[in-house]
Amino acid sequence: MSKKILVPIDISEMELTQQVIPHVEAYARQDDATIHFLAVIPDYTYFASYGLGYTSIAPDAREREVAAMKTLSEIVAQFSLPGDRVKKHVLSGTPKDHILQLAEDIDADVIILASHRPSMSTYLLGSNSAAVVRHAECSVLVVR
């Protein structure tokens, strides 16, 4: 049974979102589930870890979160889901950490997320999907 579904969305990768839509809709119909959509926007420390020094010109955290929530809402509207069973979350920080923490906080039954095919950068830097699969306490469906 999947009464609580967590769906992390990369708001900058519409192609990945398109891949998960049928899976999320099918799971949601199956058990009349509540679907929690999550967008995680990287914070300044994420960019600094890659040596990117333009953090001083980036918008402040609140502006980024408001813009991300607007985009997330537009993306969620593409799903055929009852509005009363949809929850939206926007957080700043490391995606894998927030995905795992929110899954725990809401007691998710399943996490449904899209993933790129592995590339050299994924092997060298690691992958959010791989970390979620490795550390999640619930089932994880990775869609490719």
C-alpha atoms as a PDB file:
ATOM      1  CA  MET A   1       0.000   0.000   0.000  1.00  0.00           C
ATOM      2  CA  SER A   2       1.206   3.449  -0.870  1.00  0.00           C
ATOM      3  CA  LYS A   3      -0.801   5.945   1.143  1.00  0.00           C
ATOM      4  CA  LYS A   4       1.965   8.576   1.194  1.00  0.00           C
ATOM      5  CA  ILE A   5       4.045   9.134  -1.908  1.00  0.00           C
ATOM      6  CA  LEU A   6       7.023  11.475  -2.096  1.00  0.00           C
ATOM      7  CA  VAL A   7       7.887  12.802  -5.550  1.00  0.00           C
ATOM      8  CA  PRO A   8      11.073  14.864  -5.744  1.00  0.00           C
ATOM      9  CA  ILE A   9      10.958  17.164  -8.771  1.00  0.00           C
ATOM     10  CA  ASP A  10      13.958  18.793 -10.406  1.00  0.00           C
ATOM     11  CA  ILE A  11      12.270  21.987 -11.579  1.00  0.00           C
ATOM     12  CA  SER A  12      15.053  22.566 -14.100  1.00  0.00           C
ATOM     13  CA  GLU A  13      14.587  19.175 -15.828  1.00  0.00           C
ATOM     14  CA  MET A  14      11.132  18.959 -17.423  1.00  0.00           C
ATOM     15  CA  GLU A  15      12.095  15.843 -19.356  1.00  0.00           C
ATOM     16  CA  LEU A  16      12.617  13.968 -16.092  1.00  0.00           C
ATOM     17  CA  THR A  17       9.253  15.144 -14.782  1.00  0.00           C
ATOM     18  CA  GLN A  18       7.493  13.866 -17.890  1.00  0.00           C
ATOM     19  CA  GLN A  19       8.943  10.415 -17.178  1.00  0.00           C
ATOM     20  CA  VAL A  20       7.399  10.129 -13.704  1.00  0.00           C
ATOM     21  CA  ILE A  21       3.899  11.464 -14.444  1.00  0.00           C
ATOM     22  CA  PRO A  22       2.289   8.122 -15.451  1.00  0.00           C
ATOM     23  CA  HIS A  23       3.915   6.283 -12.543  1.00  0.00           C
ATOM     24  CA  VAL A  24       2.822   8.830  -9.955  1.00  0.00           C
ATOM     25  CA  GLU A  25      -0.720   8.905 -11.320  1.00  0.00           C
ATOM     26  CA  ALA A  26      -0.938   5.096 -11.279  1.00  0.00           C
ATOM     27  CA  TYR A  27       0.358   4.800  -7.711  1.00  0.00           C
ATOM     28  CA  ALA A  28      -1.934   7.608  -6.540  1.00  0.00           C
ATOM     29  CA  ARG A  29      -5.042   5.987  -8.057  1.00  0.00           C
ATOM     30  CA  GLN A  30      -4.182   2.594  -6.642  1.00  0.00           C
ATOM     31  CA  ASP A  31      -4.474   3.560  -2.981  1.00  0.00           C
ATOM     32  CA  ASP A  32      -6.043   7.041  -2.937  1.00  0.00           C
ATOM     33  CA  ALA A  33      -2.656   8.269  -1.797  1.00  0.00           C
ATOM     34  CA  THR A  34      -1.519  11.690  -0.667  1.00  0.00           C
ATOM     35  CA  ILE A  35       1.268  12.889  -2.938  1.00  0.00           C
ATOM     36  CA  HIS A  36       4.009  15.128  -1.578  1.00  0.00           C
ATOM     37  CA  PHE A  37       5.924  16.959  -4.284  1.00  0.00           C
ATOM     38  CA  LEU A  38       9.331  18.304  -3.301  1.00  0.00           C
ATOM     39  CA  ALA A  39      11.586  20.776  -5.087  1.00  0.00           C
ATOM     40  CA  VAL A  40      15.005  21.332  -3.563  1.00  0.00           C
ATOM     41  CA  ILE A  41      16.900  24.387  -4.642  1.00  0.00           C
ATOM     42  CA  PRO A  42      20.634  24.315  -4.030  1.00  0.00           C
ATOM     43  CA  ASP A  43      21.898  26.743  -1.438  1.00  0.00           C
ATOM     44  CA  TYR A  44      25.074  28.789  -1.649  1.00  0.00           C
ATOM     45  CA  THR A  45      27.242  26.094  -0.077  1.00  0.00           C
ATOM     46  CA  TYR A  46      26.328  23.749  -2.933  1.00  0.00           C
ATOM     47  CA  PHE A  47      27.640  26.203  -5.500  1.00  0.00           C
ATOM     48  CA  ALA A  48      30.696  27.048  -3.403  1.00  0.00           C
ATOM     49  CA  SER A  49      31.619  23.346  -3.220  1.00  0.00           C
ATOM     50  CA  TYR A  50      32.032  23.435  -7.003  1.00  0.00           C
ATOM     51  CA  GLY A  51      34.161  26.557  -6.852  1.00  0.00           C
ATOM     52  CA  LEU A  52      31.452  28.819  -8.230  1.00  0.00           C
ATOM     53  CA  GLY A  53      31.960  32.248  -6.749  1.00  0.00           C
ATOM     54  CA  TYR A  54      28.880  34.072  -7.989  1.00  0.00           C
ATOM     55  CA  THR A  55      26.828  33.519  -4.852  1.00  0.00           C
ATOM     56  CA  SER A  56      26.910  37.247  -4.092  1.00  0.00           C
ATOM     57  CA  ILE A  57      24.789  38.004  -7.176  1.00  0.00           C
ATOM     58  CA  ALA A  58      22.215  35.253  -6.600  1.00  0.00           C
ATOM     59  CA  PRO A  59      18.737  36.226  -5.336  1.00  0.00           C
ATOM     60  CA  ASP A  60      18.089  35.790  -1.634  1.00  0.00           C
ATOM     61  CA  ALA A  61      16.773  32.485  -0.329  1.00  0.00           C
ATOM     62  CA  ARG A  62      13.162  33.658   0.100  1.00  0.00           C
ATOM     63  CA  GLU A  63      12.973  34.959  -3.483  1.00  0.00           C
ATOM     64  CA  ARG A  64      14.369  31.678  -4.793  1.00  0.00           C
ATOM     65  CA  GLU A  65      11.875  29.663  -2.740  1.00  0.00           C
ATOM     66  CA  VAL A  66       8.909  31.738  -3.945  1.00  0.00           C
ATOM     67  CA  ALA A  67      10.020  31.353  -7.570  1.00  0.00           C
ATOM     68  CA  ALA A  68      10.590  27.611  -7.080  1.00  0.00           C
ATOM     69  CA  MET A  69       7.128  27.144  -5.523  1.00  0.00           C
ATOM     70  CA  LYS A  70       5.550  28.918  -8.504  1.00  0.00           C
ATOM     71  CA  THR A  71       7.404  26.645 -10.919  1.00  0.00           C
ATOM     72  CA  LEU A  72       6.621  23.550  -8.846  1.00  0.00           C
ATOM     73  CA  SER A  73       2.923  24.475  -8.830  1.00  0.00           C
ATOM     74  CA  GLU A  74       2.962  24.779 -12.627  1.00  0.00           C
ATOM     75  CA  ILE A  75       4.619  21.371 -12.907  1.00  0.00           C
ATOM     76  CA  VAL A  76       2.211  19.698 -10.463  1.00  0.00           C
ATOM     77  CA  ALA A  77      -0.707  21.025 -12.535  1.00  0.00           C
ATOM     78  CA  GLN A  78       0.415  18.667 -15.328  1.00  0.00           C
ATOM     79  CA  PHE A  79      -0.436  15.654 -13.148  1.00  0.00           C
ATOM     80  CA  SER A  80      -4.012  14.329 -13.125  1.00  0.00           C
ATOM     81  CA  LEU A  81      -4.402  14.246  -9.366  1.00  0.00           C
ATOM     82  CA  PRO A  82      -7.113  15.438  -6.972  1.00  0.00           C
ATOM     83  CA  GLY A  83      -5.977  18.763  -5.513  1.00  0.00           C
ATOM     84  CA  ASP A  84      -6.983  17.818  -1.983  1.00  0.00           C
ATOM     85  CA  ARG A  85      -4.422  14.990  -1.978  1.00  0.00           C
ATOM     86  CA  VAL A  86      -1.459  17.068  -3.199  1.00  0.00           C
ATOM     87  CA  LYS A  87       1.090  18.729  -0.917  1.00  0.00           C
ATOM     88  CA  LYS A  88       3.964  20.886  -2.183  1.00  0.00           C
ATOM     89  CA  HIS A  89       7.273  21.505  -0.452  1.00  0.00           C
ATOM     90  CA  VAL A  90      10.212  23.726  -1.428  1.00  0.00           C
ATOM     91  CA  LEU A  91      13.438  23.530   0.531  1.00  0.00           C
ATOM     92  CA  SER A  92      16.954  24.882   0.081  1.00  0.00           C
ATOM     93  CA  GLY A  93      19.992  22.690   0.472  1.00  0.00           C
ATOM     94  CA  THR A  94      21.246  19.298  -0.604  1.00  0.00           C
ATOM     95  CA  PRO A  95      18.607  17.348  -2.567  1.00  0.00           C
ATOM     96  CA  LYS A  96      19.408  13.869  -1.257  1.00  0.00           C
ATOM     97  CA  ASP A  97      19.382  15.050   2.361  1.00  0.00           C
ATOM     98  CA  HIS A  98      16.038  16.830   2.064  1.00  0.00           C
ATOM     99  CA  ILE A  99      14.462  13.965   0.125  1.00  0.00           C
ATOM    100  CA  LEU A 100      15.455  11.475   2.800  1.00  0.00           C
ATOM    101  CA  GLN A 101      14.439  13.760   5.664  1.00  0.00           C
ATOM    102  CA  LEU A 102      11.024  14.614   4.194  1.00  0.00           C
ATOM    103  CA  ALA A 103      10.389  10.929   3.467  1.00  0.00           C
ATOM    104  CA  GLU A 104      11.017  10.239   7.127  1.00  0.00           C
ATOM    105  CA  ASP A 105       8.987  13.246   8.335  1.00  0.00           C
ATOM    106  CA  ILE A 106       5.879  12.306   6.350  1.00  0.00           C
ATOM    107  CA  ASP A 107       6.400   8.552   6.877  1.00  0.00           C
ATOM    108  CA  ALA A 108       6.428   7.989   3.105  1.00  0.00           C
ATOM    109  CA  ASP A 109       5.510   4.558   1.789  1.00  0.00           C
ATOM    110  CA  VAL A 110       7.321   5.094  -1.495  1.00  0.00           C
ATOM    111  CA  ILE A 111       9.550   7.672  -3.173  1.00  0.00           C
ATOM    112  CA  ILE A 112       9.105   8.021  -6.931  1.00  0.00           C
ATOM    113  CA  LEU A 113      11.891   9.872  -8.700  1.00  0.00           C
ATOM    114  CA  ALA A 114      13.351  10.159 -12.158  1.00  0.00           C
ATOM    115  CA  SER A 115      16.991   9.617 -12.920  1.00  0.00           C
ATOM    116  CA  HIS A 116      19.334  10.217 -15.802  1.00  0.00           C
ATOM    117  CA  ARG A 117      21.221   7.347 -17.294  1.00  0.00           C
ATOM    118  CA  PRO A 118      24.562   7.028 -15.524  1.00  0.00           C
ATOM    119  CA  SER A 119      27.310   9.197 -16.955  1.00  0.00           C
ATOM    120  CA  MET A 120      30.932   9.755 -16.084  1.00  0.00           C
ATOM    121  CA  SER A 121      30.024  12.738 -13.879  1.00  0.00           C
ATOM    122  CA  THR A 122      27.530  10.590 -11.979  1.00  0.00           C
ATOM    123  CA  TYR A 123      30.179   7.978 -11.301  1.00  0.00           C
ATOM    124  CA  LEU A 124      32.665  10.595 -10.135  1.00  0.00           C
ATOM    125  CA  LEU A 125      30.394  12.937  -8.170  1.00  0.00           C
ATOM    126  CA  GLY A 126      27.656  10.609  -7.025  1.00  0.00           C
ATOM    127  CA  SER A 127      23.964  10.779  -7.714  1.00  0.00           C
ATOM    128  CA  ASN A 128      21.004  11.953  -5.690  1.00  0.00           C
ATOM    129  CA  SER A 129      18.979   8.977  -6.926  1.00  0.00           C
ATOM    130  CA  ALA A 130      21.667   6.514  -5.899  1.00  0.00           C
ATOM    131  CA  ALA A 131      21.945   8.084  -2.443  1.00  0.00           C
ATOM    132  CA  VAL A 132      18.170   7.996  -1.967  1.00  0.00           C
ATOM    133  CA  VAL A 133      17.994   4.341  -3.015  1.00  0.00           C
ATOM    134  CA  ARG A 134      20.886   3.474  -0.713  1.00  0.00           C
ATOM    135  CA  HIS A 135      19.627   5.301   2.389  1.00  0.00           C
ATOM    136  CA  ALA A 136      15.819   5.476   2.174  1.00  0.00           C
ATOM    137  CA  GLU A 137      13.833   3.583   4.770  1.00  0.00           C
ATOM    138  CA  CYS A 138      10.925   3.091   2.375  1.00  0.00           C
ATOM    139  CA  SER A 139      10.593   1.685  -1.126  1.00  0.00           C
ATOM    140  CA  VAL A 140      12.016   3.756  -3.976  1.00  0.00           C
ATOM    141  CA  LEU A 141      10.893   3.643  -7.604  1.00  0.00           C
ATOM    142  CA  VAL A 142      13.524   5.075  -9.938  1.00  0.00           C
ATOM    143  CA  VAL A 143      12.085   5.910 -13.347  1.00  0.00           C
ATOM    144  CA  ARG A 144      14.272   6.092 -16.440  1.00  0.00           C
END
